[in-house]
Amino acid sequence: LHVTFAAIAMGGIALTLWALIPTLKEVSPESAATISQGVSR
């Protein structure tokens, strides 16, 4: 359980850093804000 949930946390952070944040720079500020708020929550 410990290793599984550590991998989930690391994967979520990696996805956010290397996929989500760069992608949000490519969409309109309004869309980026909406997506960012939903994902953050």
Full PDB file with SEQRES, HELIX, SHEET, SSBOND, CRYST1, ORIGX, SCALE, CONECT and MASTER records, all heavy atoms in Angstrom:
SEQRES   1 A   41  LEU HIS VAL THR PHE ALA ALA ILE ALA MET GLY GLY ILE          
SEQRES   2 A   41  ALA LEU THR LEU TRP ALA LEU ILE PRO THR LEU LYS GLU          
SEQRES   3 A   41  VAL SER PRO GLU SER ALA ALA THR ILE SER GLN GLY VAL          
SEQRES   4 A   41  SER ARG                                                      
HELIX    1 AA1 HIS A    2  LEU A   15  1                                  14    
HELIX    2 AA2 THR A   16  LEU A   20  3                                   5    
HELIX    3 AA3 ILE A   21  LEU A   24  1                                   4    
HELIX    4 AA4 PRO A   29  SER A   40  1                                  12    
CRYST1    1.000    1.000    1.000  90.00  90.00  90.00 P 1           1          
ORIGX1      1.000000  0.000000  0.000000        0.00000                         
ORIGX2      0.000000  1.000000  0.000000        0.00000                         
ORIGX3      0.000000  0.000000  1.000000        0.00000                         
SCALE1      1.000000  0.000000  0.000000        0.00000                         
SCALE2      0.000000  1.000000  0.000000        0.00000                         
SCALE3      0.000000  0.000000  1.000000        0.00000                         
ATOM      1  N   LEU A   1       0.832  -1.207   0.000  1.00  0.00           N  
ATOM      2  CA  LEU A   1       0.000   0.000   0.000  1.00  0.00           C  
ATOM      3  C   LEU A   1       0.867   1.257   0.000  1.00  0.00           C  
ATOM      4  O   LEU A   1       0.572   2.227  -0.714  1.00  0.00           O  
ATOM      5  CB  LEU A   1      -0.937   0.002   1.212  1.00  0.00           C  
ATOM      6  CG  LEU A   1      -2.066  -1.017   1.194  1.00  0.00           C  
ATOM      7  CD1 LEU A   1      -2.775  -1.040   2.540  1.00  0.00           C  
ATOM      8  CD2 LEU A   1      -3.032  -0.739   0.060  1.00  0.00           C  
ATOM      9  N   HIS A   2       1.933   1.242   0.775  1.00  0.00           N  
ATOM     10  CA  HIS A   2       2.820   2.402   0.878  1.00  0.00           C  
ATOM     11  C   HIS A   2       3.454   2.727  -0.479  1.00  0.00           C  
ATOM     12  O   HIS A   2       3.405   3.874  -0.929  1.00  0.00           O  
ATOM     13  CB  HIS A   2       3.896   2.100   1.926  1.00  0.00           C  
ATOM     14  CG  HIS A   2       4.609   3.304   2.423  1.00  0.00           C  
ATOM     15  ND1 HIS A   2       4.039   4.198   3.304  1.00  0.00           N  
ATOM     16  CD2 HIS A   2       5.864   3.763   2.184  1.00  0.00           C  
ATOM     17  CE1 HIS A   2       4.902   5.151   3.572  1.00  0.00           C  
ATOM     18  NE2 HIS A   2       6.020   4.912   2.903  1.00  0.00           N  
ATOM     19  N   VAL A   3       4.009   1.717  -1.126  1.00  0.00           N  
ATOM     20  CA  VAL A   3       4.669   1.929  -2.418  1.00  0.00           C  
ATOM     21  C   VAL A   3       3.645   2.302  -3.494  1.00  0.00           C  
ATOM     22  O   VAL A   3       3.895   3.183  -4.322  1.00  0.00           O  
ATOM     23  CB  VAL A   3       5.486   0.680  -2.824  1.00  0.00           C  
ATOM     24  CG1 VAL A   3       5.998   0.787  -4.257  1.00  0.00           C  
ATOM     25  CG2 VAL A   3       6.654   0.481  -1.865  1.00  0.00           C  
ATOM     26  N   THR A   4       2.485   1.676  -3.471  1.00  0.00           N  
ATOM     27  CA  THR A   4       1.442   1.985  -4.456  1.00  0.00           C  
ATOM     28  C   THR A   4       1.013   3.443  -4.363  1.00  0.00           C  
ATOM     29  O   THR A   4       0.956   4.156  -5.372  1.00  0.00           O  
ATOM     30  CB  THR A   4       0.215   1.062  -4.254  1.00  0.00           C  
ATOM     31  OG1 THR A   4       0.629  -0.292  -4.443  1.00  0.00           O  
ATOM     32  CG2 THR A   4      -0.903   1.406  -5.216  1.00  0.00           C  
ATOM     33  N   PHE A   5       0.743   3.916  -3.160  1.00  0.00           N  
ATOM     34  CA  PHE A   5       0.272   5.291  -3.017  1.00  0.00           C  
ATOM     35  C   PHE A   5       1.392   6.315  -3.212  1.00  0.00           C  
ATOM     36  O   PHE A   5       1.141   7.423  -3.676  1.00  0.00           O  
ATOM     37  CB  PHE A   5      -0.488   5.472  -1.697  1.00  0.00           C  
ATOM     38  CG  PHE A   5      -1.886   4.955  -1.803  1.00  0.00           C  
ATOM     39  CD1 PHE A   5      -2.183   3.633  -1.530  1.00  0.00           C  
ATOM     40  CD2 PHE A   5      -2.907   5.783  -2.244  1.00  0.00           C  
ATOM     41  CE1 PHE A   5      -3.472   3.146  -1.679  1.00  0.00           C  
ATOM     42  CE2 PHE A   5      -4.202   5.310  -2.391  1.00  0.00           C  
ATOM     43  CZ  PHE A   5      -4.486   3.988  -2.108  1.00  0.00           C  
ATOM     44  N   ALA A   6       2.636   5.932  -2.923  1.00  0.00           N  
ATOM     45  CA  ALA A   6       3.759   6.816  -3.230  1.00  0.00           C  
ATOM     46  C   ALA A   6       3.892   6.963  -4.742  1.00  0.00           C  
ATOM     47  O   ALA A   6       4.145   8.070  -5.256  1.00  0.00           O  
ATOM     48  CB  ALA A   6       5.054   6.263  -2.628  1.00  0.00           C  
ATOM     49  N   ALA A   7       3.699   5.873  -5.474  1.00  0.00           N  
ATOM     50  CA  ALA A   7       3.766   5.928  -6.942  1.00  0.00           C  
ATOM     51  C   ALA A   7       2.626   6.778  -7.514  1.00  0.00           C  
ATOM     52  O   ALA A   7       2.827   7.539  -8.463  1.00  0.00           O  
ATOM     53  CB  ALA A   7       3.716   4.515  -7.517  1.00  0.00           C  
ATOM     54  N   ILE A   8       1.445   6.674  -6.918  1.00  0.00           N  
ATOM     55  CA  ILE A   8       0.311   7.496  -7.356  1.00  0.00           C  
ATOM     56  C   ILE A   8       0.625   8.979  -7.163  1.00  0.00           C  
ATOM     57  O   ILE A   8       0.394   9.798  -8.056  1.00  0.00           O  
ATOM     58  CB  ILE A   8      -0.978   7.093  -6.606  1.00  0.00           C  
ATOM     59  CG1 ILE A   8      -1.465   5.722  -7.079  1.00  0.00           C  
ATOM     60  CG2 ILE A   8      -2.076   8.148  -6.779  1.00  0.00           C  
ATOM     61  CD1 ILE A   8      -2.560   5.111  -6.211  1.00  0.00           C  
ATOM     62  N   ALA A   9       1.174   9.324  -6.005  1.00  0.00           N  
ATOM     63  CA  ALA A   9       1.519  10.728  -5.732  1.00  0.00           C  
ATOM     64  C   ALA A   9       2.576  11.223  -6.703  1.00  0.00           C  
ATOM     65  O   ALA A   9       2.453  12.306  -7.277  1.00  0.00           O  
ATOM     66  CB  ALA A   9       2.008  10.878  -4.290  1.00  0.00           C  
ATOM     67  N   MET A  10       3.618  10.428  -6.905  1.00  0.00           N  
ATOM     68  CA  MET A  10       4.686  10.839  -7.816  1.00  0.00           C  
ATOM     69  C   MET A  10       4.151  10.968  -9.246  1.00  0.00           C  
ATOM     70  O   MET A  10       4.499  11.912  -9.955  1.00  0.00           O  
ATOM     71  CB  MET A  10       5.831   9.842  -7.774  1.00  0.00           C  
ATOM     72  CG  MET A  10       7.030  10.270  -8.586  1.00  0.00           C  
ATOM     73  SD  MET A  10       8.361   9.102  -8.302  1.00  0.00           S  
ATOM     74  CE  MET A  10       9.660   9.885  -9.208  1.00  0.00           C  
ATOM     75  N   GLY A  11       3.303  10.040  -9.648  1.00  0.00           N  
ATOM     76  CA  GLY A  11       2.722  10.095 -10.991  1.00  0.00           C  
ATOM     77  C   GLY A  11       1.855  11.329 -11.190  1.00  0.00           C  
ATOM     78  O   GLY A  11       1.902  11.968 -12.237  1.00  0.00           O  
ATOM     79  N   GLY A  12       1.081  11.671 -10.169  1.00  0.00           N  
ATOM     80  CA  GLY A  12       0.233  12.865 -10.260  1.00  0.00           C  
ATOM     81  C   GLY A  12       1.055  14.140 -10.388  1.00  0.00           C  
ATOM     82  O   GLY A  12       0.734  15.032 -11.177  1.00  0.00           O  
ATOM     83  N   ILE A  13       2.119  14.207  -9.616  1.00  0.00           N  
ATOM     84  CA  ILE A  13       2.986  15.386  -9.685  1.00  0.00           C  
ATOM     85  C   ILE A  13       3.702  15.435 -11.031  1.00  0.00           C  
ATOM     86  O   ILE A  13       3.790  16.494 -11.661  1.00  0.00           O  
ATOM     87  CB  ILE A  13       3.983  15.394  -8.504  1.00  0.00           C  
ATOM     88  CG1 ILE A  13       3.232  15.599  -7.191  1.00  0.00           C  
ATOM     89  CG2 ILE A  13       5.041  16.481  -8.692  1.00  0.00           C  
ATOM     90  CD1 ILE A  13       4.066  15.373  -5.957  1.00  0.00           C  
ATOM     91  N   ALA A  14       4.203  14.301 -11.492  1.00  0.00           N  
ATOM     92  CA  ALA A  14       4.891  14.254 -12.787  1.00  0.00           C  
ATOM     93  C   ALA A  14       3.943  14.643 -13.927  1.00  0.00           C  
ATOM     94  O   ALA A  14       4.305  15.433 -14.804  1.00  0.00           O  
ATOM     95  CB  ALA A  14       5.474  12.863 -13.030  1.00  0.00           C  
ATOM     96  N   LEU A  15       2.731  14.116 -13.907  1.00  0.00           N  
ATOM     97  CA  LEU A  15       1.744  14.463 -14.935  1.00  0.00           C  
ATOM     98  C   LEU A  15       1.462  15.963 -14.926  1.00  0.00           C  
ATOM     99  O   LEU A  15       1.421  16.603 -15.988  1.00  0.00           O  
ATOM    100  CB  LEU A  15       0.450  13.678 -14.710  1.00  0.00           C  
ATOM    101  CG  LEU A  15      -0.683  14.039 -15.678  1.00  0.00           C  
ATOM    102  CD1 LEU A  15      -0.388  13.471 -17.057  1.00  0.00           C  
ATOM    103  CD2 LEU A  15      -2.011  13.537 -15.163  1.00  0.00           C  
ATOM    104  N   THR A  16       1.285  16.500 -13.738  1.00  0.00           N  
ATOM    105  CA  THR A  16       1.005  17.930 -13.623  1.00  0.00           C  
ATOM    106  C   THR A  16       2.160  18.763 -14.153  1.00  0.00           C  
ATOM    107  O   THR A  16       1.964  19.702 -14.927  1.00  0.00           O  
ATOM    108  CB  THR A  16       0.707  18.308 -12.153  1.00  0.00           C  
ATOM    109  OG1 THR A  16      -0.425  17.541 -11.719  1.00  0.00           O  
ATOM    110  CG2 THR A  16       0.401  19.781 -12.006  1.00  0.00           C  
ATOM    111  N   LEU A  17       3.384  18.411 -13.743  1.00  0.00           N  
ATOM    112  CA  LEU A  17       4.566  19.185 -14.149  1.00  0.00           C  
ATOM    113  C   LEU A  17       4.856  19.106 -15.634  1.00  0.00           C  
ATOM    114  O   LEU A  17       5.158  20.109 -16.271  1.00  0.00           O  
ATOM    115  CB  LEU A  17       5.792  18.682 -13.388  1.00  0.00           C  
ATOM    116  CG  LEU A  17       6.053  19.265 -12.029  1.00  0.00           C  
ATOM    117  CD1 LEU A  17       7.216  18.544 -11.364  1.00  0.00           C  
ATOM    118  CD2 LEU A  17       6.340  20.744 -12.117  1.00  0.00           C  
ATOM    119  N   TRP A  18       4.820  17.892 -16.177  1.00  0.00           N  
ATOM    120  CA  TRP A  18       5.319  17.691 -17.536  1.00  0.00           C  
ATOM    121  C   TRP A  18       4.239  17.618 -18.604  1.00  0.00           C  
ATOM    122  O   TRP A  18       4.554  17.641 -19.791  1.00  0.00           O  
ATOM    123  CB  TRP A  18       6.195  16.456 -17.576  1.00  0.00           C  
ATOM    124  CG  TRP A  18       7.415  16.633 -16.696  1.00  0.00           C  
ATOM    125  CD1 TRP A  18       8.185  17.747 -16.592  1.00  0.00           C  
ATOM    126  CD2 TRP A  18       7.963  15.688 -15.799  1.00  0.00           C  
ATOM    127  NE1 TRP A  18       9.181  17.546 -15.686  1.00  0.00           N  
ATOM    128  CE2 TRP A  18       9.089  16.286 -15.168  1.00  0.00           C  
ATOM    129  CE3 TRP A  18       7.639  14.381 -15.450  1.00  0.00           C  
ATOM    130  CZ2 TRP A  18       9.875  15.628 -14.234  1.00  0.00           C  
ATOM    131  CZ3 TRP A  18       8.434  13.733 -14.508  1.00  0.00           C  
ATOM    132  CH2 TRP A  18       9.536  14.354 -13.920  1.00  0.00           C  
ATOM    133  N   ALA A  19       2.957  17.570 -18.204  1.00  0.00           N  
ATOM    134  CA  ALA A  19       1.889  17.528 -19.200  1.00  0.00           C  
ATOM    135  C   ALA A  19       0.870  18.651 -18.997  1.00  0.00           C  
ATOM    136  O   ALA A  19       0.585  19.403 -19.923  1.00  0.00           O  
ATOM    137  CB  ALA A  19       1.186  16.174 -19.173  1.00  0.00           C  
ATOM    138  N   LEU A  20       0.347  18.776 -17.803  1.00  0.00           N  
ATOM    139  CA  LEU A  20      -0.728  19.740 -17.569  1.00  0.00           C  
ATOM    140  C   LEU A  20      -0.245  21.184 -17.647  1.00  0.00           C  
ATOM    141  O   LEU A  20      -0.815  21.992 -18.390  1.00  0.00           O  
ATOM    142  CB  LEU A  20      -1.391  19.475 -16.214  1.00  0.00           C  
ATOM    143  CG  LEU A  20      -2.537  20.430 -15.874  1.00  0.00           C  
ATOM    144  CD1 LEU A  20      -3.690  20.265 -16.861  1.00  0.00           C  
ATOM    145  CD2 LEU A  20      -3.005  20.213 -14.447  1.00  0.00           C  
ATOM    146  N   ILE A  21       0.783  21.528 -16.890  1.00  0.00           N  
ATOM    147  CA  ILE A  21       1.248  22.925 -16.859  1.00  0.00           C  
ATOM    148  C   ILE A  21       1.662  23.417 -18.246  1.00  0.00           C  
ATOM    149  O   ILE A  21       1.234  24.499 -18.667  1.00  0.00           O  
ATOM    150  CB  ILE A  21       2.361  23.114 -15.803  1.00  0.00           C  
ATOM    151  CG1 ILE A  21       1.756  22.967 -14.398  1.00  0.00           C  
ATOM    152  CG2 ILE A  21       3.052  24.468 -15.953  1.00  0.00           C  
ATOM    153  CD1 ILE A  21       2.772  22.965 -13.265  1.00  0.00           C  
ATOM    154  N   PRO A  22       2.458  22.644 -19.020  1.00  0.00           N  
ATOM    155  CA  PRO A  22       2.789  23.112 -20.372  1.00  0.00           C  
ATOM    156  C   PRO A  22       1.567  23.239 -21.285  1.00  0.00           C  
ATOM    157  O   PRO A  22       1.477  24.165 -22.094  1.00  0.00           O  
ATOM    158  CB  PRO A  22       3.748  22.050 -20.903  1.00  0.00           C  
ATOM    159  CG  PRO A  22       4.316  21.391 -19.702  1.00  0.00           C  
ATOM    160  CD  PRO A  22       3.228  21.441 -18.676  1.00  0.00           C  
ATOM    161  N   THR A  23       0.610  22.327 -21.138  1.00  0.00           N  
ATOM    162  CA  THR A  23      -0.591  22.373 -21.969  1.00  0.00           C  
ATOM    163  C   THR A  23      -1.447  23.597 -21.642  1.00  0.00           C  
ATOM    164  O   THR A  23      -2.022  24.214 -22.542  1.00  0.00           O  
ATOM    165  CB  THR A  23      -1.415  21.079 -21.789  1.00  0.00           C  
ATOM    166  OG1 THR A  23      -0.594  19.972 -22.167  1.00  0.00           O  
ATOM    167  CG2 THR A  23      -2.668  21.094 -22.647  1.00  0.00           C  
ATOM    168  N   LEU A  24      -1.521  23.967 -20.374  1.00  0.00           N  
ATOM    169  CA  LEU A  24      -2.321  25.129 -19.984  1.00  0.00           C  
ATOM    170  C   LEU A  24      -1.793  26.424 -20.603  1.00  0.00           C  
ATOM    171  O   LEU A  24      -2.552  27.371 -20.792  1.00  0.00           O  
ATOM    172  CB  LEU A  24      -2.378  25.258 -18.457  1.00  0.00           C  
ATOM    173  CG  LEU A  24      -3.189  24.184 -17.731  1.00  0.00           C  
ATOM    174  CD1 LEU A  24      -3.112  24.388 -16.226  1.00  0.00           C  
ATOM    175  CD2 LEU A  24      -4.636  24.173 -18.207  1.00  0.00           C  
ATOM    176  N   LYS A  25      -0.523  26.445 -20.935  1.00  0.00           N  
ATOM    177  CA  LYS A  25       0.064  27.631 -21.585  1.00  0.00           C  
ATOM    178  C   LYS A  25      -0.392  27.769 -23.035  1.00  0.00           C  
ATOM    179  O   LYS A  25      -0.258  28.823 -23.621  1.00  0.00           O  
ATOM    180  CB  LYS A  25       1.589  27.574 -21.514  1.00  0.00           C  
ATOM    181  CG  LYS A  25       2.111  27.724 -20.099  1.00  0.00           C  
ATOM    182  CD  LYS A  25       3.615  27.605 -20.057  1.00  0.00           C  
ATOM    183  CE  LYS A  25       4.102  27.714 -18.618  1.00  0.00           C  
ATOM    184  NZ  LYS A  25       5.525  27.489 -18.489  1.00  0.00           N  
ATOM    185  N   GLU A  26      -0.934  26.684 -23.587  1.00  0.00           N  
ATOM    186  CA  GLU A  26      -1.349  26.667 -24.992  1.00  0.00           C  
ATOM    187  C   GLU A  26      -2.824  26.982 -25.204  1.00  0.00           C  
ATOM    188  O   GLU A  26      -3.273  27.077 -26.335  1.00  0.00           O  
ATOM    189  CB  GLU A  26      -1.032  25.299 -25.609  1.00  0.00           C  
ATOM    190  CG  GLU A  26       0.443  24.965 -25.602  1.00  0.00           C  
ATOM    191  CD  GLU A  26       0.721  23.535 -26.038  1.00  0.00           C  
ATOM    192  OE1 GLU A  26      -0.228  22.816 -26.431  1.00  0.00           O  
ATOM    193  OE2 GLU A  26       1.893  23.143 -25.972  1.00  0.00           O  
ATOM    194  N   VAL A  27      -3.588  27.118 -24.120  1.00  0.00           N  
ATOM    195  CA  VAL A  27      -5.019  27.405 -24.244  1.00  0.00           C  
ATOM    196  C   VAL A  27      -5.302  28.816 -23.736  1.00  0.00           C  
ATOM    197  O   VAL A  27      -4.445  29.462 -23.146  1.00  0.00           O  
ATOM    198  CB  VAL A  27      -5.880  26.360 -23.471  1.00  0.00           C  
ATOM    199  CG1 VAL A  27      -5.656  24.964 -24.034  1.00  0.00           C  
ATOM    200  CG2 VAL A  27      -5.594  26.382 -21.989  1.00  0.00           C  
ATOM    201  N   SER A  28      -6.515  29.282 -23.979  1.00  0.00           N  
ATOM    202  CA  SER A  28      -6.881  30.632 -23.552  1.00  0.00           C  
ATOM    203  C   SER A  28      -6.776  30.757 -22.031  1.00  0.00           C  
ATOM    204  O   SER A  28      -6.954  29.772 -21.308  1.00  0.00           O  
ATOM    205  CB  SER A  28      -8.314  30.952 -23.994  1.00  0.00           C  
ATOM    206  OG  SER A  28      -9.232  30.201 -23.236  1.00  0.00           O  
ATOM    207  N   PRO A  29      -6.513  31.965 -21.543  1.00  0.00           N  
ATOM    208  CA  PRO A  29      -6.400  32.161 -20.092  1.00  0.00           C  
ATOM    209  C   PRO A  29      -7.661  31.729 -19.333  1.00  0.00           C  
ATOM    210  O   PRO A  29      -7.564  31.183 -18.234  1.00  0.00           O  
ATOM    211  CB  PRO A  29      -6.153  33.662 -19.948  1.00  0.00           C  
ATOM    212  CG  PRO A  29      -5.559  34.081 -21.246  1.00  0.00           C  
ATOM    213  CD  PRO A  29      -6.173  33.178 -22.279  1.00  0.00           C  
ATOM    214  N   GLU A  30      -8.835  31.963 -19.926  1.00  0.00           N  
ATOM    215  CA  GLU A  30     -10.079  31.571 -19.259  1.00  0.00           C  
ATOM    216  C   GLU A  30     -10.168  30.048 -19.139  1.00  0.00           C  
ATOM    217  O   GLU A  30     -10.521  29.514 -18.093  1.00  0.00           O  
ATOM    218  CB  GLU A  30     -11.306  32.095 -20.017  1.00  0.00           C  
ATOM    219  CG  GLU A  30     -11.390  33.608 -20.107  1.00  0.00           C  
ATOM    220  CD  GLU A  30     -10.533  34.194 -21.244  1.00  0.00           C  
ATOM    221  OE1 GLU A  30     -10.191  33.459 -22.216  1.00  0.00           O  
ATOM    222  OE2 GLU A  30     -10.184  35.378 -21.147  1.00  0.00           O  
ATOM    223  N   SER A  31      -9.860  29.357 -20.241  1.00  0.00           N  
ATOM    224  CA  SER A  31      -9.888  27.893 -20.220  1.00  0.00           C  
ATOM    225  C   SER A  31      -8.836  27.345 -19.263  1.00  0.00           C  
ATOM    226  O   SER A  31      -9.100  26.400 -18.508  1.00  0.00           O  
ATOM    227  CB  SER A  31      -9.633  27.330 -21.619  1.00  0.00           C  
ATOM    228  OG  SER A  31     -10.670  27.681 -22.485  1.00  0.00           O  
ATOM    229  N   ALA A  32      -7.658  27.945 -19.298  1.00  0.00           N  
ATOM    230  CA  ALA A  32      -6.578  27.502 -18.407  1.00  0.00           C  
ATOM    231  C   ALA A  32      -6.991  27.649 -16.943  1.00  0.00           C  
ATOM    232  O   ALA A  32      -6.736  26.758 -16.129  1.00  0.00           O  
ATOM    233  CB  ALA A  32      -5.303  28.292 -18.689  1.00  0.00           C  
ATOM    234  N   ALA A  33      -7.648  28.759 -16.613  1.00  0.00           N  
ATOM    235  CA  ALA A  33      -8.081  28.995 -15.230  1.00  0.00           C  
ATOM    236  C   ALA A  33      -9.128  27.968 -14.807  1.00  0.00           C  
ATOM    237  O   ALA A  33      -9.062  27.417 -13.701  1.00  0.00           O  
ATOM    238  CB  ALA A  33      -8.625  30.410 -15.077  1.00  0.00           C  
ATOM    239  N   THR A  34     -10.082  27.687 -15.691  1.00  0.00           N  
ATOM    240  CA  THR A  34     -11.130  26.709 -15.383  1.00  0.00           C  
ATOM    241  C   THR A  34     -10.542  25.321 -15.187  1.00  0.00           C  
ATOM    242  O   THR A  34     -10.866  24.628 -14.211  1.00  0.00           O  
ATOM    243  CB  THR A  34     -12.180  26.675 -16.519  1.00  0.00           C  
ATOM    244  OG1 THR A  34     -12.723  27.979 -16.678  1.00  0.00           O  
ATOM    245  CG2 THR A  34     -13.283  25.685 -16.230  1.00  0.00           C  
ATOM    246  N   ILE A  35      -9.691  24.923 -16.116  1.00  0.00           N  
ATOM    247  CA  ILE A  35      -9.052  23.595 -16.027  1.00  0.00           C  
ATOM    248  C   ILE A  35      -8.181  23.513 -14.771  1.00  0.00           C  
ATOM    249  O   ILE A  35      -8.238  22.539 -14.024  1.00  0.00           O  
ATOM    250  CB  ILE A  35      -8.225  23.301 -17.293  1.00  0.00           C  
ATOM    251  CG1 ILE A  35      -9.158  23.143 -18.498  1.00  0.00           C  
ATOM    252  CG2 ILE A  35      -7.371  22.048 -17.108  1.00  0.00           C  
ATOM    253  CD1 ILE A  35      -8.443  23.131 -19.839  1.00  0.00           C  
ATOM    254  N   SER A  36      -7.391  24.537 -14.542  1.00  0.00           N  
ATOM    255  CA  SER A  36      -6.487  24.562 -13.393  1.00  0.00           C  
ATOM    256  C   SER A  36      -7.246  24.454 -12.076  1.00  0.00           C  
ATOM    257  O   SER A  36      -6.853  23.703 -11.175  1.00  0.00           O  
ATOM    258  CB  SER A  36      -5.652  25.834 -13.419  1.00  0.00           C  
ATOM    259  OG  SER A  36      -4.748  25.841 -12.359  1.00  0.00           O  
ATOM    260  N   GLN A  37      -8.351  25.184 -11.945  1.00  0.00           N  
ATOM    261  CA  GLN A  37      -9.146  25.125 -10.715  1.00  0.00           C  
ATOM    262  C   GLN A  37      -9.741  23.736 -10.514  1.00  0.00           C  
ATOM    263  O   GLN A  37      -9.733  23.203  -9.398  1.00  0.00           O  
ATOM    264  CB  GLN A  37     -10.251  26.179 -10.744  1.00  0.00           C  
ATOM    265  CG  GLN A  37      -9.743  27.579 -10.560  1.00  0.00           C  
ATOM    266  CD  GLN A  37     -10.824  28.621 -10.818  1.00  0.00           C  
ATOM    267  OE1 GLN A  37     -11.944  28.300 -11.206  1.00  0.00           O  
ATOM    268  NE2 GLN A  37     -10.472  29.888 -10.601  1.00  0.00           N  
ATOM    269  N   GLY A  38     -10.262  23.139 -11.577  1.00  0.00           N  
ATOM    270  CA  GLY A  38     -10.850  21.801 -11.476  1.00  0.00           C  
ATOM    271  C   GLY A  38      -9.828  20.745 -11.120  1.00  0.00           C  
ATOM    272  O   GLY A  38     -10.048  19.902 -10.241  1.00  0.00           O  
ATOM    273  N   VAL A  39      -8.677  20.810 -11.783  1.00  0.00           N  
ATOM    274  CA  VAL A  39      -7.622  19.839 -11.504  1.00  0.00           C  
ATOM    275  C   VAL A  39      -7.083  20.040 -10.088  1.00  0.00           C  
ATOM    276  O   VAL A  39      -6.869  19.071  -9.357  1.00  0.00           O  
ATOM    277  CB  VAL A  39      -6.488  19.942 -12.551  1.00  0.00           C  
ATOM    278  CG1 VAL A  39      -5.270  19.134 -12.126  1.00  0.00           C  
ATOM    279  CG2 VAL A  39      -6.983  19.480 -13.907  1.00  0.00           C  
ATOM    280  N   SER A  40      -6.872  21.292  -9.693  1.00  0.00           N  
ATOM    281  CA  SER A  40      -6.349  21.574  -8.344  1.00  0.00           C  
ATOM    282  C   SER A  40      -7.285  21.035  -7.262  1.00  0.00           C  
ATOM    283  O   SER A  40      -6.825  20.460  -6.272  1.00  0.00           O  
ATOM    284  CB  SER A  40      -6.152  23.072  -8.146  1.00  0.00           C  
ATOM    285  OG  SER A  40      -5.090  23.532  -8.932  1.00  0.00           O  
ATOM    286  N   ARG A  41      -8.570  21.220  -7.456  1.00  0.00           N  
ATOM    287  CA  ARG A  41      -9.541  20.739  -6.473  1.00  0.00           C  
ATOM    288  C   ARG A  41      -9.479  19.211  -6.375  1.00  0.00           C  
ATOM    289  O   ARG A  41      -9.380  18.647  -5.286  1.00  0.00           O  
ATOM    290  CB  ARG A  41     -10.946  21.207  -6.857  1.00  0.00           C  
ATOM    291  CG  ARG A  41     -12.005  20.903  -5.827  1.00  0.00           C  
ATOM    292  CD  ARG A  41     -13.364  21.475  -6.197  1.00  0.00           C  
ATOM    293  NE  ARG A  41     -13.879  20.951  -7.452  1.00  0.00           N  
ATOM    294  CZ  ARG A  41     -13.949  21.641  -8.602  1.00  0.00           C  
ATOM    295  NH1 ARG A  41     -13.553  22.895  -8.653  1.00  0.00           N  
ATOM    296  NH2 ARG A  41     -14.414  21.092  -9.690  1.00  0.00           N  
TER     297      ARG A  41                                                      
MASTER        0    0    0    4    0    0    0    6  296    1    0    4          
END                                                                             
